[in-house]
C-alpha atoms as a PDB file:
ATOM      1  CA  MET A   1      94.757 119.568  85.885  1.00  0.00           C
ATOM      2  CA  LYS A   2      93.199 120.605  82.540  1.00  0.00           C
ATOM      3  CA  ALA A   3      95.024 117.743  80.813  1.00  0.00           C
ATOM      4  CA  LEU A   4      93.871 115.367  83.548  1.00  0.00           C
ATOM      5  CA  ASN A   5      90.291 116.471  83.020  1.00  0.00           C
ATOM      6  CA  THR A   6      90.598 115.967  79.253  1.00  0.00           C
ATOM      7  CA  GLN A   7      91.863 112.414  79.684  1.00  0.00           C
ATOM      8  CA  LEU A   8      89.274 111.679  82.365  1.00  0.00           C
ATOM      9  CA  GLN A   9      86.474 112.693  79.985  1.00  0.00           C
ATOM     10  CA  ASN A  10      87.861 110.266  77.410  1.00  0.00           C
ATOM     11  CA  GLU A  11      88.382 107.396  79.889  1.00  0.00           C
ATOM     12  CA  LEU A  12      84.859 107.628  81.283  1.00  0.00           C
ATOM     13  CA  THR A  13      83.467 106.698  77.859  1.00  0.00           C
ATOM     14  CA  LYS A  14      84.707 103.167  78.646  1.00  0.00           C
ATOM     15  CA  THR A  15      82.020 102.618  81.300  1.00  0.00           C
ATOM     16  CA  ASP A  16      78.360 103.378  81.927  1.00  0.00           C
ATOM     17  CA  GLN A  17      78.412 101.986  85.476  1.00  0.00           C
ATOM     18  CA  PRO A  18      78.946 103.804  88.789  1.00  0.00           C
ATOM     19  CA  LEU A  19      82.564 103.646  89.908  1.00  0.00           C
ATOM     20  CA  LYS A  20      83.190 101.371  92.901  1.00  0.00           C
ATOM     21  CA  SER A  21      86.194 103.416  93.946  1.00  0.00           C
ATOM     22  CA  ILE A  22      88.271 106.451  93.027  1.00  0.00           C
ATOM     23  CA  PHE A  23      91.843 106.875  94.248  1.00  0.00           C
ATOM     24  CA  ILE A  24      93.616 110.223  93.861  1.00  0.00           C
ATOM     25  CA  GLY A  25      97.309 109.713  94.481  1.00  0.00           C
ATOM     26  CA  GLY A  26     100.580 108.940  92.822  1.00  0.00           C
ATOM     27  CA  GLY A  27     102.338 112.105  94.005  1.00  0.00           C
ATOM     28  CA  THR A  28     101.226 114.663  96.541  1.00  0.00           C
ATOM     29  CA  PRO A  29      97.574 115.589  95.893  1.00  0.00           C
ATOM     30  CA  SER A  30      97.596 117.821  98.991  1.00  0.00           C
ATOM     31  CA  SER A  31     100.070 120.162  97.242  1.00  0.00           C
ATOM     32  CA  VAL A  32      97.405 120.940  94.609  1.00  0.00           C
ATOM     33  CA  GLU A  33      95.005 123.766  95.514  1.00  0.00           C
ATOM     34  CA  ALA A  34      91.661 122.337  96.605  1.00  0.00           C
ATOM     35  CA  ASN A  35      89.547 124.346  94.113  1.00  0.00           C
ATOM     36  CA  LEU A  36      91.523 122.822  91.204  1.00  0.00           C
ATOM     37  CA  TYR A  37      89.739 119.528  91.926  1.00  0.00           C
ATOM     38  CA  ASP A  38      86.298 121.089  91.341  1.00  0.00           C
ATOM     39  CA  GLU A  39      86.200 120.436  87.583  1.00  0.00           C
ATOM     40  CA  ILE A  40      87.422 116.853  88.087  1.00  0.00           C
ATOM     41  CA  PHE A  41      84.566 116.113  90.484  1.00  0.00           C
ATOM     42  CA  LEU A  42      82.032 117.771  88.179  1.00  0.00           C
ATOM     43  CA  ARG A  43      83.170 115.280  85.541  1.00  0.00           C
ATOM     44  CA  LEU A  44      82.958 112.357  87.980  1.00  0.00           C
ATOM     45  CA  ILE A  45      79.639 113.173  89.649  1.00  0.00           C
ATOM     46  CA  ALA A  46      77.516 111.125  87.196  1.00  0.00           C
ATOM     47  CA  PHE A  47      79.638 108.060  88.027  1.00  0.00           C
ATOM     48  CA  ILE A  48      79.515 108.400  91.830  1.00  0.00           C
ATOM     49  CA  ASP A  49      76.849 106.883  94.045  1.00  0.00           C
ATOM     50  CA  LYS A  50      76.443 106.507  97.806  1.00  0.00           C
ATOM     51  CA  ASP A  51      78.680 103.397  97.838  1.00  0.00           C
ATOM     52  CA  THR A  52      81.630 104.864  95.899  1.00  0.00           C
ATOM     53  CA  GLU A  53      84.807 104.908  97.970  1.00  0.00           C
ATOM     54  CA  ILE A  54      86.781 108.099  97.183  1.00  0.00           C
ATOM     55  CA  THR A  55      90.311 108.214  98.604  1.00  0.00           C
ATOM     56  CA  ILE A  56      92.853 111.008  98.371  1.00  0.00           C
ATOM     57  CA  GLU A  57      96.489 110.854  99.445  1.00  0.00           C
ATOM     58  CA  ALA A  58      97.996 113.650 101.513  1.00  0.00           C
ATOM     59  CA  ASN A  59     101.308 114.559 103.092  1.00  0.00           C
ATOM     60  CA  PRO A  60     101.385 116.066 106.589  1.00  0.00           C
ATOM     61  CA  ASN A  61     103.514 119.055 105.515  1.00  0.00           C
ATOM     62  CA  SER A  62     100.992 120.229 102.893  1.00  0.00           C
ATOM     63  CA  THR A  63      97.645 119.447 104.532  1.00  0.00           C
ATOM     64  CA  THR A  64      95.512 122.292 105.879  1.00  0.00           C
ATOM     65  CA  LYS A  65      92.079 122.416 107.468  1.00  0.00           C
ATOM     66  CA  GLU A  66      90.744 124.447 104.506  1.00  0.00           C
ATOM     67  CA  TRP A  67      92.051 121.885 102.001  1.00  0.00           C
ATOM     68  CA  LEU A  68      90.579 118.952 103.934  1.00  0.00           C
ATOM     69  CA  THR A  69      87.214 120.695 104.314  1.00  0.00           C
ATOM     70  CA  HIS A  70      86.984 121.515 100.607  1.00  0.00           C
ATOM     71  CA  LEU A  71      87.847 117.956  99.492  1.00  0.00           C
ATOM     72  CA  LYS A  72      85.340 116.502 101.927  1.00  0.00           C
ATOM     73  CA  LYS A  73      82.609 118.766 100.511  1.00  0.00           C
ATOM     74  CA  LEU A  74      83.509 117.543  97.014  1.00  0.00           C
ATOM     75  CA  GLY A  75      82.769 113.974  98.142  1.00  0.00           C
ATOM     76  CA  VAL A  76      86.098 112.535  99.269  1.00  0.00           C
ATOM     77  CA  ASN A  77      85.280 110.067 102.064  1.00  0.00           C
ATOM     78  CA  ARG A  78      88.664 108.431 102.745  1.00  0.00           C
ATOM     79  CA  ILE A  79      92.110 109.945 103.272  1.00  0.00           C
ATOM     80  CA  SER A  80      95.539 108.318 103.224  1.00  0.00           C
ATOM     81  CA  PHE A  81      98.469 110.052 104.911  1.00  0.00           C
ATOM     82  CA  GLY A  82     102.053 109.364 103.840  1.00  0.00           C
ATOM     83  CA  VAL A  83     103.317 109.493 107.408  1.00  0.00           C
ATOM     84  CA  GLN A  84     106.024 106.746 107.094  1.00  0.00           C
ATOM     85  CA  SER A  85     107.164 107.239 110.721  1.00  0.00           C
ATOM     86  CA  PHE A  86     106.719 109.381 113.818  1.00  0.00           C
ATOM     87  CA  ASN A  87     110.454 109.428 114.521  1.00  0.00           C
ATOM     88  CA  ASP A  88     112.099 112.698 113.383  1.00  0.00           C
ATOM     89  CA  GLU A  89     115.485 111.061 112.746  1.00  0.00           C
ATOM     90  CA  LYS A  90     113.887 108.376 110.564  1.00  0.00           C
ATOM     91  CA  LEU A  91     111.818 110.976 108.681  1.00  0.00           C
ATOM     92  CA  LYS A  92     115.028 112.875 107.831  1.00  0.00           C
ATOM     93  CA  PHE A  93     116.641 109.604 106.741  1.00  0.00           C
ATOM     94  CA  LEU A  94     113.668 108.984 104.422  1.00  0.00           C
ATOM     95  CA  GLY A  95     113.878 112.533 103.060  1.00  0.00           C
ATOM     96  CA  ARG A  96     110.423 113.524 104.323  1.00  0.00           C
ATOM     97  CA  ASN A  97     109.474 117.178 104.772  1.00  0.00           C
ATOM     98  CA  HIS A  98     107.409 116.759 107.910  1.00  0.00           C
ATOM     99  CA  ASP A  99     108.035 115.923 111.545  1.00  0.00           C
ATOM    100  CA  LYS A 100     106.243 113.916 114.213  1.00  0.00           C
ATOM    101  CA  ASN A 101     104.007 116.819 115.300  1.00  0.00           C
ATOM    102  CA  MET A 102     102.891 117.631 111.747  1.00  0.00           C
ATOM    103  CA  ALA A 103     101.990 113.957 111.254  1.00  0.00           C
ATOM    104  CA  THR A 104      99.842 113.627 114.376  1.00  0.00           C
ATOM    105  CA  ASN A 105      98.256 117.057 113.865  1.00  0.00           C
ATOM    106  CA  SER A 106      97.242 116.221 110.266  1.00  0.00           C
ATOM    107  CA  VAL A 107      95.531 112.997 111.289  1.00  0.00           C
ATOM    108  CA  ASN A 108      93.656 114.688 114.144  1.00  0.00           C
ATOM    109  CA  LEU A 109      92.688 117.561 111.833  1.00  0.00           C
ATOM    110  CA  ALA A 110      91.218 115.146 109.273  1.00  0.00           C
ATOM    111  CA  TYR A 111      89.151 113.537 112.017  1.00  0.00           C
ATOM    112  CA  GLU A 112      88.042 116.963 113.275  1.00  0.00           C
ATOM    113  CA  VAL A 113      86.898 117.914 109.749  1.00  0.00           C
ATOM    114  CA  GLY A 114      84.769 114.766 109.628  1.00  0.00           C
ATOM    115  CA  PHE A 115      86.828 112.029 107.970  1.00  0.00           C
ATOM    116  CA  ARG A 116      86.158 108.654 109.583  1.00  0.00           C
ATOM    117  CA  ASP A 117      88.078 106.461 107.125  1.00  0.00           C
ATOM    118  CA  ILE A 118      91.720 107.383 107.631  1.00  0.00           C
ATOM    119  CA  ASN A 119      94.758 105.379 106.514  1.00  0.00           C
ATOM    120  CA  LEU A 120      98.397 105.789 107.493  1.00  0.00           C
ATOM    121  CA  ASP A 121     101.292 104.597 105.328  1.00  0.00           C
ATOM    122  CA  ILE A 122     104.285 103.480 107.379  1.00  0.00           C
ATOM    123  CA  ILE A 123     107.681 102.177 106.250  1.00  0.00           C
ATOM    124  CA  TYR A 124     109.947  99.611 107.925  1.00  0.00           C
ATOM    125  CA  ASP A 125     113.173  97.718 107.097  1.00  0.00           C
ATOM    126  CA  THR A 126     115.262 100.895 107.019  1.00  0.00           C
ATOM    127  CA  ALA A 127     118.871 100.775 108.204  1.00  0.00           C
ATOM    128  CA  ILE A 128     118.090 102.872 111.295  1.00  0.00           C
ATOM    129  CA  ASP A 129     115.104 100.853 112.509  1.00  0.00           C
ATOM    130  CA  SER A 130     115.339  99.336 115.964  1.00  0.00           C
ATOM    131  CA  LYS A 131     112.762  97.634 118.124  1.00  0.00           C
ATOM    132  CA  LYS A 132     112.672 100.717 120.358  1.00  0.00           C
ATOM    133  CA  LEU A 133     112.001 103.029 117.373  1.00  0.00           C
ATOM    134  CA  ILE A 134     109.333 100.744 115.890  1.00  0.00           C
ATOM    135  CA  LYS A 135     107.657 100.276 119.279  1.00  0.00           C
ATOM    136  CA  SER A 136     107.521 104.060 119.773  1.00  0.00           C
ATOM    137  CA  ASP A 137     105.865 104.494 116.341  1.00  0.00           C
ATOM    138  CA  LEU A 138     103.361 101.768 117.109  1.00  0.00           C
ATOM    139  CA  GLU A 139     102.466 103.322 120.474  1.00  0.00           C
ATOM    140  CA  ILE A 140     101.642 106.614 118.726  1.00  0.00           C
ATOM    141  CA  ILE A 141      99.610 104.818 116.039  1.00  0.00           C
ATOM    142  CA  LYS A 142      97.548 103.200 118.799  1.00  0.00           C
ATOM    143  CA  THR A 143      96.400 106.639 120.032  1.00  0.00           C
ATOM    144  CA  LEU A 144      95.269 108.049 116.661  1.00  0.00           C
ATOM    145  CA  PRO A 145      91.678 108.061 115.259  1.00  0.00           C
ATOM    146  CA  ILE A 146      92.444 105.816 112.284  1.00  0.00           C
ATOM    147  CA  ASN A 147      90.954 102.570 110.969  1.00  0.00           C
ATOM    148  CA  HIS A 148      93.509 101.469 108.374  1.00  0.00           C
ATOM    149  CA  ILE A 149      97.292 100.942 108.163  1.00  0.00           C
ATOM    150  CA  SER A 150      99.445 100.233 105.106  1.00  0.00           C
ATOM    151  CA  ALA A 151     102.838  98.957 106.271  1.00  0.00           C
ATOM    152  CA  TYR A 152     105.480  98.736 103.543  1.00  0.00           C
ATOM    153  CA  SER A 153     109.012  97.386 103.558  1.00  0.00           C
ATOM    154  CA  LEU A 154     111.404 100.030 102.185  1.00  0.00           C
ATOM    155  CA  THR A 155     111.730  99.498  98.430  1.00  0.00           C
ATOM    156  CA  ILE A 156     114.977 100.479  96.716  1.00  0.00           C
ATOM    157  CA  GLU A 157     114.327 101.578  93.133  1.00  0.00           C
ATOM    158  CA  GLU A 158     116.903 102.467  90.505  1.00  0.00           C
ATOM    159  CA  GLY A 159     117.324 106.213  90.106  1.00  0.00           C
ATOM    160  CA  THR A 160     116.353 107.069  93.692  1.00  0.00           C
ATOM    161  CA  LYS A 161     118.754 108.448  96.276  1.00  0.00           C
ATOM    162  CA  PHE A 162     118.518 105.170  98.226  1.00  0.00           C
ATOM    163  CA  PHE A 163     119.772 103.266  95.173  1.00  0.00           C
ATOM    164  CA  LYS A 164     123.024 105.256  95.369  1.00  0.00           C
ATOM    165  CA  LYS A 165     123.217 104.916  99.134  1.00  0.00           C
ATOM    166  CA  PRO A 166     124.404 101.444 100.213  1.00  0.00           C
ATOM    167  CA  ASN A 167     122.968  99.768 103.294  1.00  0.00           C
ATOM    168  CA  SER A 168     119.785 101.915 103.363  1.00  0.00           C
ATOM    169  CA  LYS A 169     117.642  98.803 103.736  1.00  0.00           C
ATOM    170  CA  ILE A 170     118.029  95.940 106.183  1.00  0.00           C
ATOM    171  CA  GLU A 171     115.467  93.145 106.026  1.00  0.00           C
ATOM    172  CA  ASN A 172     114.548  91.746 109.415  1.00  0.00           C
ATOM    173  CA  ILE A 173     111.832  89.091 109.326  1.00  0.00           C
ATOM    174  CA  GLU A 174     111.532  89.076 113.130  1.00  0.00           C
ATOM    175  CA  MET A 175     110.906  92.845 113.125  1.00  0.00           C
ATOM    176  CA  THR A 176     108.297  92.398 110.384  1.00  0.00           C
ATOM    177  CA  LYS A 177     106.506  89.746 112.453  1.00  0.00           C
ATOM    178  CA  TYR A 178     106.694  92.039 115.512  1.00  0.00           C
ATOM    179  CA  ILE A 179     105.042  94.893 113.559  1.00  0.00           C
ATOM    180  CA  PHE A 180     102.311  92.638 112.162  1.00  0.00           C
ATOM    181  CA  GLU A 181     101.582  91.037 115.545  1.00  0.00           C
ATOM    182  CA  SER A 182     101.552  94.419 117.304  1.00  0.00           C
ATOM    183  CA  LEU A 183      99.086  95.880 114.821  1.00  0.00           C
ATOM    184  CA  GLU A 184      96.852  92.833 115.244  1.00  0.00           C
ATOM    185  CA  SER A 185      96.986  93.287 119.030  1.00  0.00           C
ATOM    186  CA  PHE A 186      95.763  96.891 118.541  1.00  0.00           C
ATOM    187  CA  GLY A 187      92.761  95.606 116.589  1.00  0.00           C
ATOM    188  CA  PHE A 188      94.107  96.034 113.050  1.00  0.00           C
ATOM    189  CA  ILE A 189      93.335  92.831 111.129  1.00  0.00           C
ATOM    190  CA  GLN A 190      95.708  91.931 108.299  1.00  0.00           C
ATOM    191  CA  TYR A 191      93.811  91.345 105.050  1.00  0.00           C
ATOM    192  CA  GLU A 192      96.745  91.638 102.625  1.00  0.00           C
ATOM    193  CA  ILE A 193     100.511  91.413 102.949  1.00  0.00           C
ATOM    194  CA  SER A 194     100.805  95.181 103.602  1.00  0.00           C
ATOM    195  CA  ASN A 195      97.283  96.195 104.666  1.00  0.00           C
ATOM    196  CA  PHE A 196      95.463  96.157 107.993  1.00  0.00           C
ATOM    197  CA  SER A 197      92.005  97.417 108.951  1.00  0.00           C
ATOM    198  CA  THR A 198      89.936  97.577 112.123  1.00  0.00           C
ATOM    199  CA  ASP A 199      87.014  95.763 110.467  1.00  0.00           C
ATOM    200  CA  GLU A 200      85.810  94.564 107.054  1.00  0.00           C
ATOM    201  CA  ASN A 201      84.004  97.849 106.337  1.00  0.00           C
ATOM    202  CA  SER A 202      87.242  99.826 106.643  1.00  0.00           C
ATOM    203  CA  ARG A 203      89.147  97.688 104.148  1.00  0.00           C
ATOM    204  CA  SER A 204      90.138  99.517 100.971  1.00  0.00           C
ATOM    205  CA  LYS A 205      87.656  98.704  98.197  1.00  0.00           C
ATOM    206  CA  HIS A 206      90.140 100.144  95.711  1.00  0.00           C
ATOM    207  CA  ASN A 207      92.831  97.655  96.704  1.00  0.00           C
ATOM    208  CA  PHE A 208      90.452  94.718  96.282  1.00  0.00           C
ATOM    209  CA  GLY A 209      89.670  95.911  92.765  1.00  0.00           C
ATOM    210  CA  TYR A 210      93.292  95.335  91.771  1.00  0.00           C
ATOM    211  CA  TRP A 211      93.657  92.039  93.620  1.00  0.00           C
ATOM    212  CA  GLU A 212      90.488  90.572  92.144  1.00  0.00           C
ATOM    213  CA  LYS A 213      91.497  91.646  88.622  1.00  0.00           C
ATOM    214  CA  GLU A 214      88.604  94.039  88.050  1.00  0.00           C
ATOM    215  CA  ASP A 215      88.816  96.682  85.306  1.00  0.00           C
ATOM    216  CA  TYR A 216      90.275 100.044  86.322  1.00  0.00           C
ATOM    217  CA  LEU A 217      90.831 103.335  84.535  1.00  0.00           C
ATOM    218  CA  GLY A 218      94.231 105.010  84.776  1.00  0.00           C
ATOM    219  CA  VAL A 219      94.153 108.798  84.490  1.00  0.00           C
ATOM    220  CA  GLY A 220      97.193 111.078  84.764  1.00  0.00           C
ATOM    221  CA  ALA A 221     100.891 111.162  83.872  1.00  0.00           C
ATOM    222  CA  GLY A 222     102.408 107.812  84.874  1.00  0.00           C
ATOM    223  CA  ALA A 223      99.065 106.217  85.732  1.00  0.00           C
ATOM    224  CA  VAL A 224      98.174 102.660  84.695  1.00  0.00           C
ATOM    225  CA  GLY A 225      94.786 101.402  83.544  1.00  0.00           C
ATOM    226  CA  CYS A 226      93.522  97.938  82.660  1.00  0.00           C
ATOM    227  CA  VAL A 227      90.296  97.178  80.805  1.00  0.00           C
ATOM    228  CA  GLY A 228      89.663  93.613  79.683  1.00  0.00           C
ATOM    229  CA  ASN A 229      92.975  92.182  78.530  1.00  0.00           C
ATOM    230  CA  GLU A 230      94.556  95.576  77.724  1.00  0.00           C
ATOM    231  CA  ARG A 231      96.816  97.264  80.239  1.00  0.00           C
ATOM    232  CA  TYR A 232      97.635 100.790  79.143  1.00  0.00           C
ATOM    233  CA  TYR A 233     100.137 103.387  80.287  1.00  0.00           C
ATOM    234  CA  PRO A 234      99.540 107.126  79.812  1.00  0.00           C
ATOM    235  CA  GLN A 235     102.693 109.162  79.210  1.00  0.00           C
ATOM    236  CA  LYS A 236     105.006 109.507  82.229  1.00  0.00           C
ATOM    237  CA  ASP A 237     106.619 112.757  81.111  1.00  0.00           C
ATOM    238  CA  VAL A 238     104.410 115.527  82.535  1.00  0.00           C
ATOM    239  CA  GLU A 239     105.196 118.072  79.790  1.00  0.00           C
ATOM    240  CA  LYS A 240     104.385 115.548  77.039  1.00  0.00           C
ATOM    241  CA  TYR A 241     101.237 114.511  78.922  1.00  0.00           C
ATOM    242  CA  ILE A 242     100.067 118.130  79.096  1.00  0.00           C
ATOM    243  CA  GLN A 243     100.634 118.543  75.343  1.00  0.00           C
ATOM    244  CA  ASN A 244      98.491 115.479  74.572  1.00  0.00           C
ATOM    245  CA  PRO A 245      96.961 113.514  77.473  1.00  0.00           C
ATOM    246  CA  LEU A 246      95.178 111.104  75.110  1.00  0.00           C
ATOM    247  CA  ILE A 247      98.323 109.383  73.832  1.00  0.00           C
ATOM    248  CA  TYR A 248      99.338 106.155  75.590  1.00  0.00           C
ATOM    249  CA  GLU A 249     103.037 105.502  76.078  1.00  0.00           C
ATOM    250  CA  ASP A 250     102.389 101.766  75.840  1.00  0.00           C
ATOM    251  CA  VAL A 251      99.558  99.246  75.578  1.00  0.00           C
ATOM    252  CA  GLU A 252     100.218  95.727  76.864  1.00  0.00           C
ATOM    253  CA  ILE A 253      98.002  92.867  75.674  1.00  0.00           C
ATOM    254  CA  LEU A 254      97.568  90.269  78.415  1.00  0.00           C
ATOM    255  CA  ASP A 255      96.992  86.675  77.353  1.00  0.00           C
ATOM    256  CA  ALA A 256      95.040  84.113  79.378  1.00  0.00           C
ATOM    257  CA  ASP A 257      98.201  82.842  81.135  1.00  0.00           C
ATOM    258  CA  ASP A 258      99.210  86.400  82.169  1.00  0.00           C
ATOM    259  CA  ILE A 259      95.777  87.046  83.667  1.00  0.00           C
ATOM    260  CA  ARG A 260      95.682  83.650  85.403  1.00  0.00           C
ATOM    261  CA  PHE A 261      99.142  84.148  86.947  1.00  0.00           C
ATOM    262  CA  GLU A 262      98.275  87.642  88.172  1.00  0.00           C
ATOM    263  CA  ARG A 263      95.049  86.413  89.774  1.00  0.00           C
ATOM    264  CA  ILE A 264      96.953  83.627  91.545  1.00  0.00           C
ATOM    265  CA  PHE A 265      99.844  85.888  92.614  1.00  0.00           C
ATOM    266  CA  LEU A 266      97.607  88.711  93.912  1.00  0.00           C
ATOM    267  CA  GLY A 267      95.007  86.386  95.420  1.00  0.00           C
ATOM    268  CA  LEU A 268      97.657  84.657  97.534  1.00  0.00           C
ATOM    269  CA  ARG A 269      98.759  88.044  98.918  1.00  0.00           C
ATOM    270  CA  SER A 270      95.291  88.932 100.201  1.00  0.00           C
ATOM    271  CA  LYS A 271      92.113  87.582 101.762  1.00  0.00           C
ATOM    272  CA  SER A 272      90.511  87.605  98.297  1.00  0.00           C
ATOM    273  CA  GLY A 273      91.680  84.037  97.815  1.00  0.00           C
ATOM    274  CA  VAL A 274      92.182  82.276  94.472  1.00  0.00           C
ATOM    275  CA  PRO A 275      89.383  80.355  92.681  1.00  0.00           C
ATOM    276  CA  LEU A 276      90.357  76.668  92.443  1.00  0.00           C
ATOM    277  CA  VAL A 277      89.235  76.623  88.810  1.00  0.00           C
ATOM    278  CA  LEU A 278      92.352  78.654  87.866  1.00  0.00           C
ATOM    279  CA  PHE A 279      94.664  75.738  88.693  1.00  0.00           C
ATOM    280  CA  ASP A 280      95.501  72.782  86.444  1.00  0.00           C
ATOM    281  CA  GLU A 281      95.774  69.186  87.686  1.00  0.00           C
ATOM    282  CA  LYS A 282      99.526  69.397  88.313  1.00  0.00           C
ATOM    283  CA  GLN A 283      99.053  72.542  90.408  1.00  0.00           C
ATOM    284  CA  LYS A 284      96.227  70.895  92.347  1.00  0.00           C
ATOM    285  CA  GLU A 285      98.664  68.127  93.333  1.00  0.00           C
ATOM    286  CA  LYS A 286     100.983  70.811  94.692  1.00  0.00           C
ATOM    287  CA  ILE A 287      98.033  72.409  96.513  1.00  0.00           C
ATOM    288  CA  ASN A 288      97.463  69.084  98.292  1.00  0.00           C
ATOM    289  CA  ILE A 289     101.067  69.208  99.542  1.00  0.00           C
ATOM    290  CA  LEU A 290     100.517  72.780 100.804  1.00  0.00           C
ATOM    291  CA  LEU A 291      97.262  71.726 102.504  1.00  0.00           C
ATOM    292  CA  GLN A 292      99.075  68.884 104.308  1.00  0.00           C
ATOM    293  CA  GLU A 293     101.774  71.366 105.416  1.00  0.00           C
ATOM    294  CA  ASP A 294      99.056  73.779 106.654  1.00  0.00           C
ATOM    295  CA  LYS A 295     100.408  76.542 104.385  1.00  0.00           C
ATOM    296  CA  VAL A 296      97.048  77.146 102.687  1.00  0.00           C
ATOM    297  CA  THR A 297      93.327  76.651 103.341  1.00  0.00           C
ATOM    298  CA  LEU A 298      90.620  75.553 100.910  1.00  0.00           C
ATOM    299  CA  LYS A 299      87.113  76.892 101.464  1.00  0.00           C
ATOM    300  CA  ASN A 300      84.153  77.046  99.045  1.00  0.00           C
ATOM    301  CA  ASP A 301      86.481  76.281  96.100  1.00  0.00           C
ATOM    302  CA  LEU A 302      88.713  79.220  97.021  1.00  0.00           C
ATOM    303  CA  LEU A 303      92.368  78.805  98.022  1.00  0.00           C
ATOM    304  CA  PHE A 304      93.582  81.028 100.863  1.00  0.00           C
ATOM    305  CA  ASN A 305      97.158  81.646 101.979  1.00  0.00           C
ATOM    306  CA  ASN A 306      97.741  81.111 105.724  1.00  0.00           C
ATOM    307  CA  ASP A 307     100.895  83.261 105.899  1.00  0.00           C
ATOM    308  CA  PHE A 308     101.147  86.364 103.704  1.00  0.00           C
ATOM    309  CA  LEU A 309     104.907  86.530 104.299  1.00  0.00           C
ATOM    310  CA  LEU A 310     105.202  83.350 102.222  1.00  0.00           C
ATOM    311  CA  SER A 311     103.033  84.670  99.358  1.00  0.00           C
ATOM    312  CA  ASP A 312     105.778  84.875  96.730  1.00  0.00           C
ATOM    313  CA  GLU A 313     107.258  81.508  97.639  1.00  0.00           C
ATOM    314  CA  ILE A 314     103.876  79.773  97.459  1.00  0.00           C
ATOM    315  CA  ALA A 315     103.055  81.416  94.107  1.00  0.00           C
ATOM    316  CA  LEU A 316     106.412  80.291  92.663  1.00  0.00           C
ATOM    317  CA  PHE A 317     105.931  76.767  94.065  1.00  0.00           C
ATOM    318  CA  LEU A 318     102.543  76.506  92.371  1.00  0.00           C
ATOM    319  CA  GLU A 319     103.856  77.784  89.046  1.00  0.00           C
END
């Protein structure tokens, strides 16, 4: 936490504006004692105003009323729970350290403490998913005092236990559509391929910052920051980071084509849309084909994707 504070002090020299959003995550922030965040927030206070969205991630097995109360007093106004599922068998399959009761209790506790912007992360496309299991999870979600859902397809990454375990993931497009349609029927409006909110005010400002290619500071071991055309990566190794948190493991220089492609790719995955000015004449001819096929919509010189499940395919078609 001392190293984090040292890097944060250095990163904040890159801006003199209030921060639109702050997101504390990337591991299990709820496993860190609440008072250890005090110095971080003292450093941030000059960059926070009444409109700053401040999110912290938490896991149900390490969230207490005292911890939630302390973080709320520091200024955190949004909480994101890594619930993943409310099915105990599925939670064991995913290697989670909580059960259904811990998950529901944590959400209700956050609401009791005073949080009104609460997100749940859920995972689908696992080998043990069935319509009955998914429906049961969705029915529980419907009863909880939350206003945001992030629904992610299970991602298999090299080096994880799932990578060594064949058949952990089974993609089922019909199940995905069922989840998305069910959430919409509960009043959660999809505004990005994986994100749903009950209204525009409960959308994640932080997410939009990435999608709209705004500058962001990356603080902590394994974080990523991007200012202007420089994307930088602090050290991933925690011990090395503690020794010197001001050394970047890598700095990537983005050229105009990199930035343009990212804005198109991310804009098609969300309700941000893509400014028409980013496309060349050849791409605009392809856009006309997509318009005729009702795959996209053009409004106020912004291109919007009509089906987020086709985001990657549309982006590749346009490239």
